[in-house]
Amino acid sequence: MKNAIIFHGTGCTPESYWFPSIKQFLETHGYEVWAPQLPDADHPEIDKWLPVALQGKFNEETIIIGHSAGAPLVLSVLENIQVKVHKAILVAGFARRLRIDKDKPQAILQPTYNWSKIKANVQDLIFLNSDNDPWTIDDEEGLYMWRQLGGTLVLRQDEGHMGSDNFKQPYTRFPLLEKLLEVKYTRSSIDGSDKE
């Protein structure tokens, strides 16, 4: 069964920004979509969020999407599941203490990550970051995660946080993310052969 899971970020709900339109997009492509409301969203903590996230269904056709604080949650999920999922997309994601809040604890982060286990539990990993994210979740953060895990890093110019009330980014549609979700990888697109 094809299914997708969408994790929101700090101060958000499953109805924020592009989450409803991406949910609808996936449903029209035959996916069962789960977009849970994570507890105490204004103060994301891995100890509170991870148990909820792990209630999802995970299989070889699962797509997991996380935005902002939902992105390190995706990393923690990948480290804790026992199956290799199809795809994970981290939008405005990070795995280190934010440079803008160096002295502030960021309880959504794990102290360390088992990068090899995370990498082993996902077939296709995509990072989307912008060069001018106001919370310093920028191209440096995307590059840091890509260096640990490989996959695909997409750097956008002047796209901010790709959804933010504080910075007046309603981002109700996300055409790039739709394109990344539509992509069907075949062996021919990777090595030039005609086999699927």
N, C-alpha and C. Protein backbone atom coordinates (compact mmCIF):
# COMPACT_ATOMS: atom_id res chain seq x y z
N MET A 1 0.84 -1.20 0.00
CA MET A 1 0.00 0.00 0.00
C MET A 1 0.88 1.25 0.00
N LYS A 2 0.69 2.11 -1.01
CA LYS A 2 1.43 3.37 -1.05
C LYS A 2 0.90 4.29 0.03
N ASN A 3 1.82 4.81 0.85
CA ASN A 3 1.38 5.76 1.86
C ASN A 3 2.43 6.85 2.03
N ALA A 4 1.98 7.99 2.55
CA ALA A 4 2.87 9.12 2.79
C ALA A 4 2.57 9.70 4.16
N ILE A 5 3.60 10.27 4.76
CA ILE A 5 3.49 10.87 6.08
C ILE A 5 4.08 12.27 5.99
N ILE A 6 3.35 13.26 6.52
CA ILE A 6 3.82 14.65 6.49
C ILE A 6 3.93 15.16 7.92
N PHE A 7 5.13 15.60 8.30
CA PHE A 7 5.36 16.16 9.63
C PHE A 7 5.56 17.66 9.54
N HIS A 8 4.72 18.40 10.26
CA HIS A 8 4.84 19.86 10.30
C HIS A 8 6.00 20.28 11.20
N GLY A 9 6.26 21.58 11.26
CA GLY A 9 7.33 22.11 12.09
C GLY A 9 6.82 22.88 13.29
N THR A 10 7.69 23.67 13.88
CA THR A 10 7.39 24.44 15.09
C THR A 10 6.22 25.38 14.87
N GLY A 11 5.29 25.37 15.81
CA GLY A 11 4.16 26.30 15.79
C GLY A 11 3.17 26.06 14.68
N CYS A 12 3.22 24.90 14.05
CA CYS A 12 2.36 24.64 12.90
C CYS A 12 1.32 23.56 13.20
N THR A 13 0.47 23.34 12.21
CA THR A 13 -0.53 22.27 12.24
C THR A 13 -0.49 21.58 10.88
N PRO A 14 -1.20 20.48 10.73
CA PRO A 14 -1.29 19.85 9.40
C PRO A 14 -2.00 20.71 8.36
N GLU A 15 -2.60 21.82 8.80
CA GLU A 15 -3.29 22.72 7.87
C GLU A 15 -2.44 23.91 7.47
N SER A 16 -1.21 23.98 7.94
CA SER A 16 -0.34 25.12 7.66
C SER A 16 0.28 25.01 6.25
N TYR A 17 0.52 26.18 5.65
CA TYR A 17 1.29 26.31 4.41
C TYR A 17 0.86 25.33 3.32
N TRP A 18 1.82 24.61 2.78
CA TRP A 18 1.61 23.72 1.64
C TRP A 18 1.18 22.31 2.04
N PHE A 19 1.07 22.04 3.33
CA PHE A 19 0.76 20.67 3.76
C PHE A 19 -0.57 20.16 3.20
N PRO A 20 -1.67 20.95 3.26
CA PRO A 20 -2.94 20.44 2.70
C PRO A 20 -2.88 20.19 1.19
N SER A 21 -2.20 21.08 0.44
CA SER A 21 -2.17 20.88 -1.02
C SER A 21 -1.30 19.68 -1.39
N ILE A 22 -0.22 19.45 -0.65
CA ILE A 22 0.62 18.27 -0.91
C ILE A 22 -0.13 16.99 -0.51
N LYS A 23 -0.87 17.06 0.58
CA LYS A 23 -1.68 15.91 0.99
C LYS A 23 -2.67 15.55 -0.12
N GLN A 24 -3.35 16.57 -0.63
CA GLN A 24 -4.32 16.35 -1.71
C GLN A 24 -3.62 15.82 -2.97
N PHE A 25 -2.48 16.37 -3.29
CA PHE A 25 -1.71 15.92 -4.46
C PHE A 25 -1.38 14.43 -4.34
N LEU A 26 -0.89 14.03 -3.17
CA LEU A 26 -0.54 12.63 -2.97
C LEU A 26 -1.77 11.73 -3.02
N GLU A 27 -2.86 12.19 -2.43
CA GLU A 27 -4.08 11.38 -2.45
C GLU A 27 -4.59 11.16 -3.87
N THR A 28 -4.47 12.19 -4.71
CA THR A 28 -4.91 12.02 -6.10
C THR A 28 -4.00 11.07 -6.87
N HIS A 29 -2.81 10.80 -6.34
CA HIS A 29 -1.89 9.85 -6.95
C HIS A 29 -1.92 8.50 -6.23
N GLY A 30 -3.00 8.26 -5.48
CA GLY A 30 -3.22 6.94 -4.90
C GLY A 30 -2.55 6.66 -3.57
N TYR A 31 -2.07 7.70 -2.90
CA TYR A 31 -1.43 7.52 -1.60
C TYR A 31 -2.42 7.70 -0.46
N GLU A 32 -2.29 6.88 0.55
CA GLU A 32 -2.95 7.12 1.82
C GLU A 32 -2.02 8.06 2.60
N VAL A 33 -2.54 9.20 3.06
CA VAL A 33 -1.68 10.21 3.68
C VAL A 33 -2.05 10.41 5.14
N TRP A 34 -1.03 10.41 5.98
CA TRP A 34 -1.19 10.69 7.41
C TRP A 34 -0.39 11.95 7.74
N ALA A 35 -1.06 12.96 8.27
CA ALA A 35 -0.41 14.21 8.66
C ALA A 35 -0.83 14.52 10.09
N PRO A 36 -0.14 13.95 11.08
CA PRO A 36 -0.56 14.10 12.47
C PRO A 36 -0.29 15.48 13.03
N GLN A 37 -1.12 15.88 14.01
CA GLN A 37 -0.81 17.06 14.80
C GLN A 37 0.16 16.61 15.90
N LEU A 38 1.35 17.15 15.88
CA LEU A 38 2.35 16.78 16.86
C LEU A 38 2.15 17.57 18.15
N PRO A 39 2.43 16.96 19.31
CA PRO A 39 2.11 17.60 20.58
C PRO A 39 2.99 18.81 20.89
N ASP A 40 2.35 19.80 21.54
CA ASP A 40 3.04 21.01 22.00
C ASP A 40 3.91 21.58 20.87
N ALA A 41 3.26 21.90 19.77
CA ALA A 41 3.96 22.29 18.55
C ALA A 41 4.83 23.52 18.71
N ASP A 42 4.51 24.38 19.66
CA ASP A 42 5.33 25.57 19.87
C ASP A 42 6.68 25.25 20.52
N HIS A 43 6.78 24.06 21.12
CA HIS A 43 8.01 23.65 21.79
C HIS A 43 8.35 22.22 21.39
N PRO A 44 8.83 22.03 20.16
CA PRO A 44 9.07 20.67 19.68
C PRO A 44 10.17 19.96 20.47
N GLU A 45 9.85 18.76 20.91
CA GLU A 45 10.82 17.94 21.63
C GLU A 45 10.79 16.54 21.04
N ILE A 46 11.97 16.01 20.77
CA ILE A 46 12.06 14.69 20.16
C ILE A 46 11.41 13.63 21.05
N ASP A 47 11.52 13.78 22.36
CA ASP A 47 10.94 12.80 23.28
C ASP A 47 9.42 12.77 23.21
N LYS A 48 8.80 13.89 22.82
CA LYS A 48 7.34 13.95 22.67
C LYS A 48 6.90 13.61 21.25
N TRP A 49 7.66 14.07 20.28
CA TRP A 49 7.25 13.93 18.89
C TRP A 49 7.53 12.53 18.32
N LEU A 50 8.67 11.95 18.68
CA LEU A 50 9.04 10.68 18.07
C LEU A 50 8.06 9.55 18.37
N PRO A 51 7.54 9.40 19.61
CA PRO A 51 6.57 8.32 19.85
C PRO A 51 5.32 8.45 18.98
N VAL A 52 4.89 9.69 18.73
CA VAL A 52 3.73 9.90 17.86
C VAL A 52 4.10 9.52 16.43
N ALA A 53 5.24 9.99 15.97
CA ALA A 53 5.67 9.75 14.59
C ALA A 53 5.82 8.26 14.31
N LEU A 54 6.30 7.51 15.28
CA LEU A 54 6.52 6.07 15.07
C LEU A 54 5.22 5.26 15.04
N GLN A 55 4.08 5.92 15.27
CA GLN A 55 2.80 5.25 15.13
C GLN A 55 2.38 5.12 13.65
N GLY A 56 3.12 5.77 12.77
CA GLY A 56 2.81 5.69 11.35
C GLY A 56 3.08 4.31 10.78
N LYS A 57 2.56 4.09 9.57
CA LYS A 57 2.81 2.83 8.86
C LYS A 57 4.03 3.05 7.96
N PHE A 58 4.97 2.13 8.04
CA PHE A 58 6.19 2.25 7.24
C PHE A 58 6.40 0.98 6.44
N ASN A 59 6.58 1.15 5.13
CA ASN A 59 6.87 0.02 4.26
C ASN A 59 7.72 0.50 3.10
N GLU A 60 8.01 -0.38 2.16
CA GLU A 60 8.92 -0.04 1.07
C GLU A 60 8.33 0.97 0.08
N GLU A 61 7.05 1.32 0.22
CA GLU A 61 6.43 2.32 -0.65
C GLU A 61 6.14 3.63 0.08
N THR A 62 6.58 3.75 1.32
CA THR A 62 6.29 4.94 2.13
C THR A 62 7.15 6.13 1.72
N ILE A 63 6.50 7.30 1.67
CA ILE A 63 7.18 8.58 1.50
C ILE A 63 7.00 9.36 2.80
N ILE A 64 8.10 9.91 3.32
CA ILE A 64 8.04 10.73 4.53
C ILE A 64 8.52 12.13 4.18
N ILE A 65 7.74 13.14 4.57
CA ILE A 65 8.09 14.54 4.31
C ILE A 65 8.10 15.28 5.65
N GLY A 66 9.13 16.07 5.89
CA GLY A 66 9.20 16.87 7.10
C GLY A 66 9.62 18.29 6.77
N HIS A 67 8.96 19.27 7.40
CA HIS A 67 9.29 20.68 7.19
C HIS A 67 9.86 21.26 8.48
N SER A 68 10.96 21.96 8.38
CA SER A 68 11.56 22.67 9.53
C SER A 68 11.84 21.68 10.67
N ALA A 69 11.24 21.87 11.85
CA ALA A 69 11.48 20.94 12.96
C ALA A 69 10.97 19.53 12.65
N GLY A 70 10.09 19.41 11.65
CA GLY A 70 9.65 18.09 11.21
C GLY A 70 10.74 17.33 10.47
N ALA A 71 11.76 18.03 10.00
CA ALA A 71 12.85 17.38 9.27
C ALA A 71 13.78 16.57 10.18
N PRO A 72 14.28 17.13 11.30
CA PRO A 72 15.05 16.28 12.19
C PRO A 72 14.21 15.13 12.77
N LEU A 73 12.90 15.34 12.86
CA LEU A 73 12.02 14.25 13.26
C LEU A 73 12.09 13.12 12.25
N VAL A 74 12.11 13.46 10.95
CA VAL A 74 12.24 12.44 9.91
C VAL A 74 13.54 11.65 10.10
N LEU A 75 14.63 12.34 10.40
CA LEU A 75 15.90 11.65 10.63
C LEU A 75 15.78 10.66 11.78
N SER A 76 15.13 11.09 12.86
CA SER A 76 14.95 10.21 14.02
C SER A 76 14.07 9.01 13.69
N VAL A 77 13.03 9.23 12.90
CA VAL A 77 12.16 8.14 12.47
C VAL A 77 12.98 7.13 11.67
N LEU A 78 13.75 7.63 10.70
CA LEU A 78 14.55 6.73 9.87
C LEU A 78 15.55 5.93 10.69
N GLU A 79 16.04 6.52 11.75
CA GLU A 79 16.99 5.81 12.62
C GLU A 79 16.31 4.73 13.44
N ASN A 80 15.00 4.85 13.66
CA ASN A 80 14.30 3.95 14.59
C ASN A 80 13.38 2.93 13.94
N ILE A 81 13.14 3.01 12.64
CA ILE A 81 12.27 2.02 12.00
C ILE A 81 13.09 0.81 11.58
N GLN A 82 12.38 -0.26 11.27
CA GLN A 82 13.04 -1.53 10.91
C GLN A 82 12.79 -1.91 9.45
N VAL A 83 12.50 -0.92 8.61
CA VAL A 83 12.20 -1.18 7.20
C VAL A 83 12.81 -0.06 6.36
N LYS A 84 13.12 -0.37 5.12
CA LYS A 84 13.65 0.65 4.20
C LYS A 84 12.50 1.28 3.45
N VAL A 85 12.25 2.57 3.69
CA VAL A 85 11.15 3.27 3.03
C VAL A 85 11.60 3.76 1.66
N HIS A 86 10.61 4.14 0.84
CA HIS A 86 10.89 4.56 -0.54
C HIS A 86 11.61 5.90 -0.60
N LYS A 87 11.06 6.91 0.09
CA LYS A 87 11.59 8.26 -0.08
C LYS A 87 11.38 9.08 1.18
N ALA A 88 12.36 9.96 1.47
CA ALA A 88 12.22 10.96 2.53
C ALA A 88 12.65 12.31 1.96
N ILE A 89 11.83 13.32 2.22
CA ILE A 89 12.13 14.68 1.75
C ILE A 89 12.14 15.61 2.95
N LEU A 90 13.26 16.29 3.16
CA LEU A 90 13.42 17.22 4.28
C LEU A 90 13.43 18.63 3.72
N VAL A 91 12.39 19.40 4.04
CA VAL A 91 12.22 20.76 3.54
C VAL A 91 12.64 21.73 4.64
N ALA A 92 13.59 22.60 4.33
CA ALA A 92 14.14 23.53 5.33
C ALA A 92 14.55 22.75 6.57
N GLY A 93 15.30 21.68 6.32
CA GLY A 93 15.69 20.77 7.39
C GLY A 93 17.05 21.09 7.98
N PHE A 94 17.28 20.54 9.18
CA PHE A 94 18.54 20.75 9.87
C PHE A 94 18.80 19.57 10.80
N ALA A 95 20.07 19.40 11.16
CA ALA A 95 20.44 18.32 12.06
C ALA A 95 21.45 18.80 13.11
N ARG A 96 21.67 20.11 13.14
CA ARG A 96 22.59 20.71 14.10
C ARG A 96 21.91 21.90 14.77
N ARG A 97 22.46 22.31 15.89
CA ARG A 97 21.95 23.51 16.57
C ARG A 97 21.99 24.69 15.60
N LEU A 98 20.90 25.44 15.54
CA LEU A 98 20.82 26.56 14.60
C LEU A 98 21.79 27.66 15.00
N ARG A 99 22.47 28.23 14.00
CA ARG A 99 23.45 29.28 14.28
C ARG A 99 22.78 30.51 14.88
N ILE A 100 21.53 30.76 14.54
CA ILE A 100 20.82 31.93 15.08
C ILE A 100 20.47 31.76 16.56
N ASP A 101 20.38 30.50 17.02
CA ASP A 101 19.98 30.19 18.40
C ASP A 101 21.03 29.33 19.10
N LYS A 102 22.30 29.68 18.95
CA LYS A 102 23.36 28.81 19.47
C LYS A 102 23.25 28.54 20.96
N ASP A 103 22.73 29.50 21.71
CA ASP A 103 22.67 29.33 23.17
C ASP A 103 21.33 28.77 23.64
N LYS A 104 20.42 28.55 22.71
CA LYS A 104 19.09 28.07 23.05
C LYS A 104 19.01 26.56 22.82
N PRO A 105 18.52 25.80 23.81
CA PRO A 105 18.42 24.36 23.58
C PRO A 105 17.41 24.05 22.47
N GLN A 106 17.73 23.08 21.65
CA GLN A 106 16.84 22.67 20.57
C GLN A 106 16.51 21.20 20.79
N ALA A 107 15.44 21.02 21.54
CA ALA A 107 15.08 19.69 22.02
C ALA A 107 14.56 18.75 20.93
N ILE A 108 14.38 19.27 19.72
CA ILE A 108 13.94 18.40 18.63
C ILE A 108 15.12 17.60 18.07
N LEU A 109 16.34 18.04 18.36
CA LEU A 109 17.53 17.36 17.86
C LEU A 109 17.96 16.24 18.80
N GLN A 110 18.45 15.16 18.21
CA GLN A 110 19.09 14.12 19.00
C GLN A 110 20.51 14.60 19.31
N PRO A 111 21.11 14.13 20.41
CA PRO A 111 22.50 14.50 20.68
C PRO A 111 23.44 14.05 19.57
N THR A 112 23.19 12.86 19.02
CA THR A 112 23.96 12.34 17.89
C THR A 112 23.00 11.56 16.99
N TYR A 113 23.42 11.34 15.75
CA TYR A 113 22.63 10.56 14.81
C TYR A 113 23.45 9.38 14.30
N ASN A 114 22.79 8.26 14.10
CA ASN A 114 23.42 7.10 13.50
C ASN A 114 23.22 7.22 11.99
N TRP A 115 24.14 7.92 11.34
CA TRP A 115 23.98 8.24 9.92
C TRP A 115 23.89 6.99 9.06
N SER A 116 24.67 5.97 9.38
CA SER A 116 24.64 4.76 8.55
C SER A 116 23.29 4.05 8.64
N LYS A 117 22.69 4.06 9.82
CA LYS A 117 21.36 3.43 9.97
C LYS A 117 20.29 4.24 9.24
N ILE A 118 20.36 5.56 9.36
CA ILE A 118 19.41 6.42 8.65
C ILE A 118 19.51 6.16 7.15
N LYS A 119 20.72 6.17 6.63
CA LYS A 119 20.94 5.96 5.20
C LYS A 119 20.44 4.59 4.74
N ALA A 120 20.61 3.58 5.58
CA ALA A 120 20.19 2.22 5.22
C ALA A 120 18.68 2.07 5.18
N ASN A 121 17.95 2.97 5.85
CA ASN A 121 16.50 2.83 5.96
C ASN A 121 15.71 3.69 4.98
N VAL A 122 16.37 4.26 3.98
CA VAL A 122 15.65 5.05 2.97
C VAL A 122 16.32 4.87 1.62
N GLN A 123 15.50 4.63 0.61
CA GLN A 123 16.02 4.42 -0.74
C GLN A 123 16.41 5.74 -1.40
N ASP A 124 15.59 6.76 -1.26
CA ASP A 124 15.79 8.04 -1.95
C ASP A 124 15.63 9.17 -0.93
N LEU A 125 16.68 9.94 -0.75
CA LEU A 125 16.68 11.01 0.25
C LEU A 125 16.92 12.34 -0.44
N ILE A 126 16.02 13.31 -0.19
CA ILE A 126 16.10 14.62 -0.84
C ILE A 126 16.07 15.71 0.23
N PHE A 127 17.01 16.66 0.10
CA PHE A 127 17.05 17.82 0.99
C PHE A 127 16.73 19.07 0.17
N LEU A 128 15.81 19.89 0.67
CA LEU A 128 15.46 21.17 0.04
C LEU A 128 15.78 22.29 1.02
N ASN A 129 16.73 23.13 0.67
CA ASN A 129 17.10 24.26 1.52
C ASN A 129 17.24 25.51 0.67
N SER A 130 17.11 26.66 1.32
CA SER A 130 17.26 27.94 0.63
C SER A 130 18.47 28.69 1.19
N ASP A 131 19.04 29.54 0.37
CA ASP A 131 20.24 30.27 0.79
C ASP A 131 19.94 31.40 1.76
N ASN A 132 18.67 31.77 1.94
CA ASN A 132 18.37 32.92 2.80
C ASN A 132 17.34 32.59 3.88
N ASP A 133 17.36 31.36 4.37
CA ASP A 133 16.44 30.99 5.44
C ASP A 133 16.69 31.87 6.66
N PRO A 134 15.67 32.54 7.18
CA PRO A 134 15.87 33.48 8.28
C PRO A 134 16.29 32.83 9.59
N TRP A 135 16.08 31.52 9.72
CA TRP A 135 16.47 30.82 10.95
C TRP A 135 17.81 30.10 10.77
N THR A 136 18.55 30.45 9.75
CA THR A 136 19.85 29.84 9.40
C THR A 136 19.72 28.35 9.08
N ILE A 137 18.53 27.92 8.66
CA ILE A 137 18.35 26.55 8.18
C ILE A 137 18.55 26.61 6.66
N ASP A 138 19.76 26.91 6.28
CA ASP A 138 20.06 27.33 4.92
C ASP A 138 20.85 26.29 4.14
N ASP A 139 21.52 26.75 3.08
CA ASP A 139 22.30 25.85 2.23
C ASP A 139 23.39 25.14 3.02
N GLU A 140 23.96 25.78 4.04
CA GLU A 140 24.99 25.12 4.86
C GLU A 140 24.40 23.91 5.59
N GLU A 141 23.18 24.04 6.07
CA GLU A 141 22.53 22.92 6.77
C GLU A 141 22.22 21.78 5.80
N GLY A 142 21.72 22.14 4.63
CA GLY A 142 21.45 21.11 3.62
C GLY A 142 22.72 20.38 3.23
N LEU A 143 23.79 21.14 3.04
CA LEU A 143 25.07 20.55 2.66
C LEU A 143 25.62 19.65 3.77
N TYR A 144 25.44 20.07 5.02
CA TYR A 144 25.90 19.25 6.14
C TYR A 144 25.20 17.88 6.13
N MET A 145 23.87 17.87 6.00
CA MET A 145 23.14 16.60 5.99
C MET A 145 23.49 15.76 4.77
N TRP A 146 23.62 16.41 3.61
CA TRP A 146 23.98 15.70 2.38
C TRP A 146 25.35 15.03 2.52
N ARG A 147 26.29 15.71 3.17
CA ARG A 147 27.62 15.12 3.37
C ARG A 147 27.56 13.89 4.27
N GLN A 148 26.62 13.86 5.20
CA GLN A 148 26.48 12.69 6.08
C GLN A 148 25.77 11.54 5.39
N LEU A 149 24.80 11.86 4.52
CA LEU A 149 23.87 10.85 4.03
C LEU A 149 23.83 10.65 2.52
N GLY A 150 24.40 11.56 1.77
CA GLY A 150 24.26 11.46 0.33
C GLY A 150 22.84 11.83 -0.08
N GLY A 151 22.39 11.27 -1.18
CA GLY A 151 21.05 11.60 -1.66
C GLY A 151 21.12 12.76 -2.64
N THR A 152 20.07 13.58 -2.64
CA THR A 152 19.98 14.72 -3.54
C THR A 152 19.77 15.99 -2.73
N LEU A 153 20.58 16.99 -2.99
CA LEU A 153 20.46 18.28 -2.33
C LEU A 153 19.98 19.31 -3.35
N VAL A 154 18.85 19.95 -3.06
CA VAL A 154 18.30 20.98 -3.93
C VAL A 154 18.41 22.30 -3.17
N LEU A 155 19.20 23.23 -3.71
CA LEU A 155 19.37 24.54 -3.09
C LEU A 155 18.58 25.57 -3.88
N ARG A 156 17.72 26.29 -3.18
CA ARG A 156 16.89 27.32 -3.80
C ARG A 156 17.43 28.69 -3.44
N GLN A 157 17.23 29.63 -4.33
CA GLN A 157 17.68 30.99 -4.08
C GLN A 157 16.50 31.84 -3.63
N ASP A 158 16.68 32.54 -2.52
CA ASP A 158 15.69 33.51 -2.01
C ASP A 158 14.32 32.90 -1.72
N GLU A 159 14.28 31.65 -1.28
CA GLU A 159 13.00 31.01 -0.95
C GLU A 159 12.73 31.00 0.55
N GLY A 160 13.61 31.58 1.34
CA GLY A 160 13.37 31.69 2.77
C GLY A 160 13.20 30.34 3.44
N HIS A 161 12.13 30.23 4.23
CA HIS A 161 11.87 29.02 5.01
C HIS A 161 10.87 28.09 4.33
N MET A 162 10.42 28.50 3.15
CA MET A 162 9.44 27.72 2.37
C MET A 162 8.17 27.46 3.17
N GLY A 163 7.73 28.52 3.85
CA GLY A 163 6.54 28.50 4.69
C GLY A 163 6.84 29.12 6.03
N SER A 164 6.28 30.32 6.27
CA SER A 164 6.52 31.02 7.54
C SER A 164 5.51 32.12 7.74
N ASP A 165 4.88 32.17 8.92
CA ASP A 165 3.99 33.28 9.25
C ASP A 165 4.80 34.53 9.59
N ASN A 166 5.87 34.36 10.38
CA ASN A 166 6.68 35.50 10.81
C ASN A 166 7.23 36.28 9.63
N PHE A 167 7.60 35.59 8.57
CA PHE A 167 8.21 36.25 7.43
C PHE A 167 7.28 36.34 6.23
N LYS A 168 5.98 36.21 6.53
CA LYS A 168 4.93 36.40 5.52
C LYS A 168 5.19 35.58 4.26
N GLN A 169 5.38 34.28 4.49
CA GLN A 169 5.54 33.32 3.39
C GLN A 169 4.40 32.32 3.46
N PRO A 170 3.25 32.64 2.89
CA PRO A 170 2.11 31.73 3.01
C PRO A 170 2.36 30.37 2.35
N TYR A 171 3.06 30.35 1.23
CA TYR A 171 3.48 29.11 0.58
C TYR A 171 2.38 28.05 0.56
N THR A 172 1.22 28.44 0.05
CA THR A 172 0.08 27.51 0.05
C THR A 172 0.23 26.40 -0.99
N ARG A 173 1.03 26.64 -2.01
CA ARG A 173 1.34 25.61 -3.02
C ARG A 173 2.84 25.43 -3.08
N PHE A 174 3.27 24.24 -3.47
CA PHE A 174 4.70 23.95 -3.52
C PHE A 174 4.96 23.13 -4.79
N PRO A 175 4.94 23.79 -5.97
CA PRO A 175 5.09 23.07 -7.24
C PRO A 175 6.37 22.25 -7.34
N LEU A 176 7.49 22.74 -6.80
CA LEU A 176 8.73 21.98 -6.86
C LEU A 176 8.60 20.65 -6.13
N LEU A 177 7.99 20.69 -4.96
CA LEU A 177 7.81 19.45 -4.19
C LEU A 177 6.90 18.48 -4.94
N GLU A 178 5.88 19.00 -5.59
CA GLU A 178 5.02 18.14 -6.41
C GLU A 178 5.83 17.45 -7.51
N LYS A 179 6.74 18.19 -8.14
CA LYS A 179 7.57 17.60 -9.19
C LYS A 179 8.47 16.51 -8.62
N LEU A 180 9.04 16.76 -7.45
CA LEU A 180 9.92 15.76 -6.84
C LEU A 180 9.15 14.51 -6.43
N LEU A 181 7.89 14.68 -6.08
CA LEU A 181 7.07 13.53 -5.71
C LEU A 181 6.61 12.75 -6.94
N GLU A 182 6.49 13.43 -8.07
CA GLU A 182 6.04 12.79 -9.31
C GLU A 182 7.13 11.97 -9.99
N VAL A 183 8.37 12.31 -9.72
CA VAL A 183 9.48 11.67 -10.42
C VAL A 183 9.45 10.17 -10.20
N LYS A 184 9.49 9.44 -11.29
CA LYS A 184 9.57 7.99 -11.22
C LYS A 184 10.94 7.60 -11.73
N TYR A 185 11.75 7.08 -10.84
CA TYR A 185 13.10 6.69 -11.22
C TYR A 185 13.08 5.32 -11.89
N THR A 186 13.70 5.22 -13.05
CA THR A 186 13.89 3.94 -13.71
C THR A 186 15.38 3.73 -13.89
N ARG A 187 15.76 2.50 -14.16
CA ARG A 187 17.18 2.22 -14.38
C ARG A 187 17.71 3.06 -15.55
N SER A 188 16.87 3.30 -16.57
CA SER A 188 17.33 4.05 -17.73
C SER A 188 17.66 5.50 -17.36
N SER A 189 16.93 6.07 -16.39
CA SER A 189 17.23 7.45 -16.01
C SER A 189 18.51 7.53 -15.19
N ILE A 190 18.97 6.39 -14.68
CA ILE A 190 20.18 6.38 -13.86
C ILE A 190 21.40 5.95 -14.68
N ASP A 191 21.26 4.87 -15.46
CA ASP A 191 22.44 4.35 -16.14
C ASP A 191 22.30 4.25 -17.66
N GLY A 192 21.19 4.75 -18.20
CA GLY A 192 21.03 4.75 -19.66
C GLY A 192 20.41 3.50 -20.24
N SER A 193 20.14 2.48 -19.43
CA SER A 193 19.50 1.28 -19.95
C SER A 193 17.99 1.49 -20.03
N ASP A 194 17.27 0.51 -20.58
CA ASP A 194 15.82 0.66 -20.73
C ASP A 194 15.04 -0.15 -19.71
N LYS A 195 15.69 -0.71 -18.72
CA LYS A 195 14.98 -1.55 -17.75
C LYS A 195 14.39 -0.72 -16.63
N GLU A 196 13.23 -1.15 -16.12
CA GLU A 196 12.64 -0.49 -14.96
C GLU A 196 13.08 -1.18 -13.72
